[in-house]
Amino acid sequence: MANQIEDVIYSRLQATSAVTDLVSTRVYPIRRPADASLPLIVYERLSEVPALTMNADPGLITARFRFSCQADTPENARTLAAKLKTAITHYRDTTTTPVVDGILPDTTSAEYDFGADLFTVEKDFFISYKE
């Protein structure tokens, strides 16, 4: 099976010591395991738009991803979100499959889940890549 952009994102985060110093390997697609330790990152693809051309399919995609930085305190969630932003903003890599053309930040929001006693900072990014 071919690599997906999610594989490239995971590899980038795992190669960034500022992120792994905080979360180790606790970076999960779509949802976190119920017994996962904090802090951690959950990411998911929200949408994608292919580049439109009249003559051919250039294979260019822009996808919007959400990264949920979850921690036991607001400070820890914000710190993790800042490390995430530094790790992937403006990231480009022509050696990966798929090729990452660029990552740009979009929105940021924060919330507290009283039932789970969980602080979350969510950061959205636009990720452009070539299939």
N, C-alpha and C. Protein backbone atom coordinates (compact mmCIF):
# COMPACT_ATOMS: atom_id res chain seq x y z
N MET A 1 0.83 -1.18 0.00
CA MET A 1 0.00 0.00 0.00
C MET A 1 0.88 1.25 0.00
N ALA A 2 0.49 2.23 -0.77
CA ALA A 2 1.25 3.47 -0.88
C ALA A 2 1.15 4.27 0.42
N ASN A 3 2.17 5.05 0.68
CA ASN A 3 2.13 5.93 1.83
C ASN A 3 1.02 6.96 1.68
N GLN A 4 0.46 7.35 2.77
CA GLN A 4 -0.55 8.40 2.81
C GLN A 4 0.09 9.64 3.43
N ILE A 5 -0.54 10.78 3.24
CA ILE A 5 -0.01 12.01 3.83
C ILE A 5 0.02 11.88 5.36
N GLU A 6 -0.91 11.13 5.94
CA GLU A 6 -0.90 10.91 7.39
C GLU A 6 0.40 10.26 7.85
N ASP A 7 0.95 9.34 7.02
CA ASP A 7 2.22 8.69 7.36
C ASP A 7 3.36 9.70 7.40
N VAL A 8 3.35 10.62 6.45
CA VAL A 8 4.39 11.65 6.39
C VAL A 8 4.29 12.58 7.60
N ILE A 9 3.07 12.96 7.95
CA ILE A 9 2.86 13.83 9.11
C ILE A 9 3.35 13.14 10.38
N TYR A 10 2.96 11.88 10.57
CA TYR A 10 3.39 11.14 11.74
C TYR A 10 4.92 11.07 11.81
N SER A 11 5.55 10.76 10.69
CA SER A 11 7.01 10.67 10.65
C SER A 11 7.67 12.01 10.99
N ARG A 12 7.11 13.09 10.48
CA ARG A 12 7.65 14.42 10.77
C ARG A 12 7.57 14.70 12.28
N LEU A 13 6.44 14.42 12.88
CA LEU A 13 6.29 14.68 14.32
C LEU A 13 7.22 13.79 15.13
N GLN A 14 7.38 12.54 14.72
CA GLN A 14 8.26 11.62 15.45
C GLN A 14 9.74 11.97 15.27
N ALA A 15 10.06 12.71 14.22
CA ALA A 15 11.44 13.13 13.97
C ALA A 15 11.77 14.46 14.64
N THR A 16 10.80 15.06 15.32
CA THR A 16 10.99 16.36 15.95
C THR A 16 11.11 16.17 17.46
N SER A 17 12.32 16.31 17.98
CA SER A 17 12.55 16.03 19.41
C SER A 17 11.75 16.95 20.32
N ALA A 18 11.49 18.19 19.91
CA ALA A 18 10.70 19.09 20.75
C ALA A 18 9.30 18.53 20.99
N VAL A 19 8.78 17.78 20.01
CA VAL A 19 7.47 17.14 20.16
C VAL A 19 7.61 15.83 20.92
N THR A 20 8.54 14.98 20.52
CA THR A 20 8.66 13.67 21.17
C THR A 20 9.13 13.77 22.62
N ASP A 21 9.84 14.85 22.96
CA ASP A 21 10.22 15.05 24.36
C ASP A 21 8.98 15.18 25.24
N LEU A 22 7.89 15.66 24.66
CA LEU A 22 6.64 15.84 25.42
C LEU A 22 5.69 14.65 25.30
N VAL A 23 5.58 14.08 24.09
CA VAL A 23 4.55 13.05 23.87
C VAL A 23 5.10 11.66 23.58
N SER A 24 6.41 11.53 23.43
CA SER A 24 6.99 10.25 23.04
C SER A 24 6.34 9.81 21.73
N THR A 25 5.70 8.65 21.72
CA THR A 25 5.04 8.16 20.50
C THR A 25 3.53 8.35 20.57
N ARG A 26 3.04 9.15 21.49
CA ARG A 26 1.59 9.33 21.68
C ARG A 26 1.03 10.34 20.69
N VAL A 27 1.07 9.96 19.42
CA VAL A 27 0.51 10.73 18.31
C VAL A 27 -0.43 9.78 17.59
N TYR A 28 -1.72 10.10 17.59
CA TYR A 28 -2.73 9.15 17.14
C TYR A 28 -3.60 9.73 16.02
N PRO A 29 -3.92 8.91 15.02
CA PRO A 29 -4.88 9.35 14.01
C PRO A 29 -6.31 9.20 14.53
N ILE A 30 -7.12 10.20 14.31
CA ILE A 30 -8.56 10.24 14.53
C ILE A 30 -8.98 10.25 16.01
N ARG A 31 -8.57 9.29 16.80
CA ARG A 31 -8.94 9.32 18.22
C ARG A 31 -7.87 8.63 19.05
N ARG A 32 -7.85 9.01 20.31
CA ARG A 32 -6.82 8.46 21.20
C ARG A 32 -7.36 7.21 21.89
N PRO A 33 -6.49 6.29 22.25
CA PRO A 33 -6.91 5.15 23.05
C PRO A 33 -7.42 5.62 24.41
N ALA A 34 -8.38 4.93 24.97
CA ALA A 34 -8.97 5.32 26.25
C ALA A 34 -7.94 5.36 27.37
N ASP A 35 -6.93 4.51 27.31
CA ASP A 35 -5.94 4.43 28.38
C ASP A 35 -4.65 5.20 28.08
N ALA A 36 -4.68 6.08 27.09
CA ALA A 36 -3.47 6.81 26.70
C ALA A 36 -3.07 7.82 27.77
N SER A 37 -1.78 7.92 28.01
CA SER A 37 -1.24 8.91 28.94
C SER A 37 -1.20 10.28 28.28
N LEU A 38 -1.21 11.31 29.11
CA LEU A 38 -1.10 12.68 28.62
C LEU A 38 0.32 13.17 28.83
N PRO A 39 0.77 14.15 28.05
CA PRO A 39 0.10 14.78 26.92
C PRO A 39 0.16 13.91 25.67
N LEU A 40 -0.65 14.28 24.69
CA LEU A 40 -0.69 13.54 23.43
C LEU A 40 -1.26 14.42 22.32
N ILE A 41 -1.14 13.94 21.10
CA ILE A 41 -1.67 14.62 19.92
C ILE A 41 -2.57 13.66 19.18
N VAL A 42 -3.75 14.14 18.78
CA VAL A 42 -4.65 13.40 17.91
C VAL A 42 -4.81 14.25 16.65
N TYR A 43 -4.70 13.63 15.47
CA TYR A 43 -4.85 14.38 14.23
C TYR A 43 -5.83 13.69 13.31
N GLU A 44 -6.48 14.50 12.47
CA GLU A 44 -7.41 13.95 11.49
C GLU A 44 -7.52 14.88 10.29
N ARG A 45 -7.78 14.25 9.16
CA ARG A 45 -8.02 15.00 7.93
C ARG A 45 -9.48 15.45 7.94
N LEU A 46 -9.70 16.76 7.85
CA LEU A 46 -11.06 17.29 7.85
C LEU A 46 -11.64 17.38 6.45
N SER A 47 -10.81 17.77 5.50
CA SER A 47 -11.28 17.92 4.12
C SER A 47 -10.08 17.96 3.20
N GLU A 48 -10.36 17.84 1.91
CA GLU A 48 -9.30 17.99 0.91
C GLU A 48 -9.90 18.50 -0.38
N VAL A 49 -9.08 19.26 -1.10
CA VAL A 49 -9.50 19.83 -2.37
C VAL A 49 -8.40 19.56 -3.38
N PRO A 50 -8.70 18.88 -4.48
CA PRO A 50 -7.68 18.69 -5.50
C PRO A 50 -7.51 19.97 -6.33
N ALA A 51 -6.32 20.15 -6.87
CA ALA A 51 -6.09 21.27 -7.78
C ALA A 51 -6.89 21.00 -9.05
N LEU A 52 -7.55 22.02 -9.54
CA LEU A 52 -8.38 21.86 -10.73
C LEU A 52 -7.69 22.43 -11.95
N THR A 53 -7.60 21.62 -12.98
CA THR A 53 -7.06 22.08 -14.26
C THR A 53 -7.93 21.51 -15.37
N MET A 54 -7.86 22.11 -16.52
CA MET A 54 -8.69 21.67 -17.65
C MET A 54 -8.04 20.52 -18.43
N ASN A 55 -6.73 20.43 -18.44
CA ASN A 55 -6.05 19.49 -19.33
C ASN A 55 -5.62 18.18 -18.71
N ALA A 56 -5.24 18.22 -17.44
CA ALA A 56 -4.72 17.00 -16.82
C ALA A 56 -4.85 17.09 -15.30
N ASP A 57 -4.76 15.97 -14.66
CA ASP A 57 -4.77 15.92 -13.20
C ASP A 57 -3.33 16.07 -12.71
N PRO A 58 -2.99 17.21 -12.10
CA PRO A 58 -1.61 17.39 -11.65
C PRO A 58 -1.29 16.61 -10.38
N GLY A 59 -2.30 16.04 -9.74
CA GLY A 59 -2.07 15.26 -8.52
C GLY A 59 -1.82 16.10 -7.30
N LEU A 60 -2.13 17.38 -7.38
CA LEU A 60 -1.92 18.27 -6.24
C LEU A 60 -3.17 18.31 -5.37
N ILE A 61 -2.96 18.19 -4.06
CA ILE A 61 -4.05 18.17 -3.09
C ILE A 61 -3.75 19.18 -2.00
N THR A 62 -4.77 19.90 -1.55
CA THR A 62 -4.66 20.69 -0.34
C THR A 62 -5.67 20.13 0.65
N ALA A 63 -5.16 19.63 1.76
CA ALA A 63 -6.01 19.03 2.78
C ALA A 63 -5.96 19.87 4.05
N ARG A 64 -7.09 19.92 4.72
CA ARG A 64 -7.14 20.61 6.01
C ARG A 64 -7.12 19.55 7.10
N PHE A 65 -6.15 19.70 8.00
CA PHE A 65 -5.99 18.77 9.11
C PHE A 65 -6.20 19.50 10.42
N ARG A 66 -6.75 18.79 11.39
CA ARG A 66 -6.87 19.30 12.75
C ARG A 66 -5.98 18.47 13.67
N PHE A 67 -5.20 19.17 14.48
CA PHE A 67 -4.34 18.55 15.48
C PHE A 67 -4.86 18.95 16.85
N SER A 68 -5.20 17.98 17.66
CA SER A 68 -5.73 18.21 19.00
C SER A 68 -4.62 17.90 20.00
N CYS A 69 -4.11 18.95 20.63
CA CYS A 69 -3.04 18.80 21.62
C CYS A 69 -3.70 18.72 22.99
N GLN A 70 -3.63 17.55 23.60
CA GLN A 70 -4.36 17.28 24.83
C GLN A 70 -3.39 17.10 26.00
N ALA A 71 -3.75 17.72 27.13
CA ALA A 71 -2.87 17.67 28.29
C ALA A 71 -3.68 17.85 29.58
N ASP A 72 -2.97 17.73 30.70
CA ASP A 72 -3.62 17.82 32.01
C ASP A 72 -3.74 19.25 32.53
N THR A 73 -3.06 20.19 31.92
CA THR A 73 -3.17 21.61 32.31
C THR A 73 -3.24 22.47 31.05
N PRO A 74 -3.80 23.67 31.16
CA PRO A 74 -3.83 24.55 29.99
C PRO A 74 -2.43 24.91 29.50
N GLU A 75 -1.50 25.10 30.44
CA GLU A 75 -0.13 25.44 30.07
C GLU A 75 0.52 24.32 29.26
N ASN A 76 0.33 23.08 29.70
CA ASN A 76 0.92 21.95 28.97
C ASN A 76 0.30 21.79 27.59
N ALA A 77 -1.00 22.02 27.46
CA ALA A 77 -1.66 21.93 26.15
C ALA A 77 -1.14 23.04 25.23
N ARG A 78 -0.99 24.26 25.75
CA ARG A 78 -0.47 25.37 24.94
C ARG A 78 0.97 25.14 24.54
N THR A 79 1.78 24.62 25.45
CA THR A 79 3.19 24.34 25.14
C THR A 79 3.29 23.30 24.03
N LEU A 80 2.51 22.23 24.13
CA LEU A 80 2.52 21.20 23.10
C LEU A 80 2.06 21.77 21.77
N ALA A 81 1.02 22.60 21.77
CA ALA A 81 0.53 23.20 20.53
C ALA A 81 1.60 24.09 19.89
N ALA A 82 2.34 24.81 20.70
CA ALA A 82 3.41 25.66 20.17
C ALA A 82 4.52 24.83 19.54
N LYS A 83 4.87 23.71 20.18
CA LYS A 83 5.91 22.82 19.62
C LYS A 83 5.43 22.19 18.31
N LEU A 84 4.16 21.80 18.27
CA LEU A 84 3.58 21.26 17.04
C LEU A 84 3.65 22.29 15.92
N LYS A 85 3.23 23.52 16.22
CA LYS A 85 3.24 24.58 15.20
C LYS A 85 4.65 24.79 14.65
N THR A 86 5.63 24.84 15.53
CA THR A 86 7.01 25.02 15.09
C THR A 86 7.48 23.84 14.23
N ALA A 87 7.05 22.65 14.58
CA ALA A 87 7.50 21.44 13.87
C ALA A 87 6.97 21.35 12.44
N ILE A 88 5.74 21.84 12.20
CA ILE A 88 5.18 21.59 10.87
C ILE A 88 4.87 22.84 10.04
N THR A 89 4.82 24.02 10.64
CA THR A 89 4.53 25.21 9.85
C THR A 89 5.63 25.45 8.82
N HIS A 90 5.24 25.64 7.59
CA HIS A 90 6.13 25.88 6.43
C HIS A 90 7.00 24.66 6.09
N TYR A 91 6.67 23.52 6.65
CA TYR A 91 7.43 22.29 6.34
C TYR A 91 7.21 21.92 4.89
N ARG A 92 8.28 21.59 4.20
CA ARG A 92 8.27 21.09 2.82
C ARG A 92 9.27 19.94 2.75
N ASP A 93 8.96 18.95 1.91
CA ASP A 93 9.90 17.85 1.76
C ASP A 93 9.65 17.16 0.42
N THR A 94 10.62 17.26 -0.46
CA THR A 94 10.50 16.63 -1.78
C THR A 94 10.98 15.18 -1.78
N THR A 95 11.48 14.71 -0.62
CA THR A 95 11.98 13.33 -0.57
C THR A 95 10.94 12.35 -0.05
N THR A 96 9.80 12.84 0.42
CA THR A 96 8.77 11.96 0.96
C THR A 96 7.79 11.52 -0.12
N THR A 97 7.08 10.46 0.17
CA THR A 97 5.99 10.01 -0.70
C THR A 97 4.75 9.91 0.16
N PRO A 98 3.77 10.78 -0.07
CA PRO A 98 3.70 11.83 -1.08
C PRO A 98 4.61 13.02 -0.74
N VAL A 99 4.92 13.81 -1.77
CA VAL A 99 5.77 14.99 -1.61
C VAL A 99 4.97 16.08 -0.90
N VAL A 100 5.55 16.64 0.15
CA VAL A 100 4.89 17.73 0.88
C VAL A 100 5.33 19.05 0.26
N ASP A 101 4.35 19.76 -0.30
CA ASP A 101 4.63 21.04 -0.94
C ASP A 101 4.67 22.19 0.06
N GLY A 102 3.95 22.06 1.15
CA GLY A 102 3.98 23.10 2.17
C GLY A 102 2.86 22.93 3.17
N ILE A 103 3.08 23.41 4.39
CA ILE A 103 2.08 23.36 5.45
C ILE A 103 1.92 24.76 6.02
N LEU A 104 0.67 25.23 6.03
CA LEU A 104 0.37 26.56 6.54
C LEU A 104 -0.65 26.48 7.67
N PRO A 105 -0.47 27.29 8.71
CA PRO A 105 -1.42 27.27 9.83
C PRO A 105 -2.74 27.93 9.45
N ASP A 106 -3.81 27.50 10.09
CA ASP A 106 -5.12 28.10 9.90
C ASP A 106 -5.62 28.55 11.27
N THR A 107 -6.64 27.95 11.80
CA THR A 107 -7.26 28.42 13.04
C THR A 107 -6.72 27.68 14.26
N THR A 108 -6.92 28.30 15.42
CA THR A 108 -6.58 27.70 16.71
C THR A 108 -7.75 27.93 17.66
N SER A 109 -8.07 26.91 18.45
CA SER A 109 -9.10 27.06 19.48
C SER A 109 -8.67 26.26 20.71
N ALA A 110 -9.26 26.60 21.84
CA ALA A 110 -8.94 25.89 23.09
C ALA A 110 -10.24 25.54 23.79
N GLU A 111 -10.21 24.42 24.51
CA GLU A 111 -11.40 24.01 25.26
C GLU A 111 -10.99 23.17 26.47
N TYR A 112 -11.94 23.05 27.38
CA TYR A 112 -11.75 22.22 28.56
C TYR A 112 -12.92 21.26 28.66
N ASP A 113 -12.63 19.98 28.81
CA ASP A 113 -13.65 18.95 28.97
C ASP A 113 -13.75 18.64 30.47
N PHE A 114 -14.82 19.12 31.10
CA PHE A 114 -14.99 18.93 32.54
C PHE A 114 -15.10 17.46 32.91
N GLY A 115 -15.84 16.69 32.11
CA GLY A 115 -16.03 15.28 32.41
C GLY A 115 -14.74 14.48 32.39
N ALA A 116 -13.86 14.82 31.46
CA ALA A 116 -12.59 14.10 31.34
C ALA A 116 -11.45 14.82 32.03
N ASP A 117 -11.70 16.03 32.56
CA ASP A 117 -10.65 16.86 33.15
C ASP A 117 -9.48 16.96 32.19
N LEU A 118 -9.79 17.44 30.97
CA LEU A 118 -8.83 17.44 29.87
C LEU A 118 -8.80 18.81 29.21
N PHE A 119 -7.60 19.35 29.07
CA PHE A 119 -7.40 20.62 28.37
C PHE A 119 -6.93 20.31 26.95
N THR A 120 -7.51 21.02 25.98
CA THR A 120 -7.19 20.77 24.58
C THR A 120 -6.96 22.08 23.85
N VAL A 121 -5.91 22.13 23.05
CA VAL A 121 -5.71 23.20 22.08
C VAL A 121 -5.75 22.54 20.72
N GLU A 122 -6.69 23.01 19.88
CA GLU A 122 -6.83 22.46 18.54
C GLU A 122 -6.26 23.45 17.54
N LYS A 123 -5.40 22.95 16.67
CA LYS A 123 -4.78 23.77 15.63
C LYS A 123 -5.09 23.13 14.28
N ASP A 124 -5.59 23.94 13.36
CA ASP A 124 -5.86 23.48 12.01
C ASP A 124 -4.75 23.97 11.09
N PHE A 125 -4.40 23.12 10.12
CA PHE A 125 -3.37 23.45 9.14
C PHE A 125 -3.85 23.04 7.75
N PHE A 126 -3.41 23.79 6.75
CA PHE A 126 -3.59 23.39 5.36
C PHE A 126 -2.29 22.72 4.91
N ILE A 127 -2.42 21.50 4.42
CA ILE A 127 -1.26 20.73 3.99
C ILE A 127 -1.39 20.48 2.49
N SER A 128 -0.46 21.02 1.73
CA SER A 128 -0.46 20.83 0.28
C SER A 128 0.56 19.75 -0.07
N TYR A 129 0.13 18.81 -0.89
CA TYR A 129 1.02 17.71 -1.24
C TYR A 129 0.69 17.18 -2.63
N LYS A 130 1.63 16.45 -3.18
CA LYS A 130 1.48 15.85 -4.51
C LYS A 130 1.38 14.36 -4.35
N GLU A 131 0.29 13.80 -4.86
CA GLU A 131 0.08 12.35 -4.76
C GLU A 131 1.07 11.59 -5.62
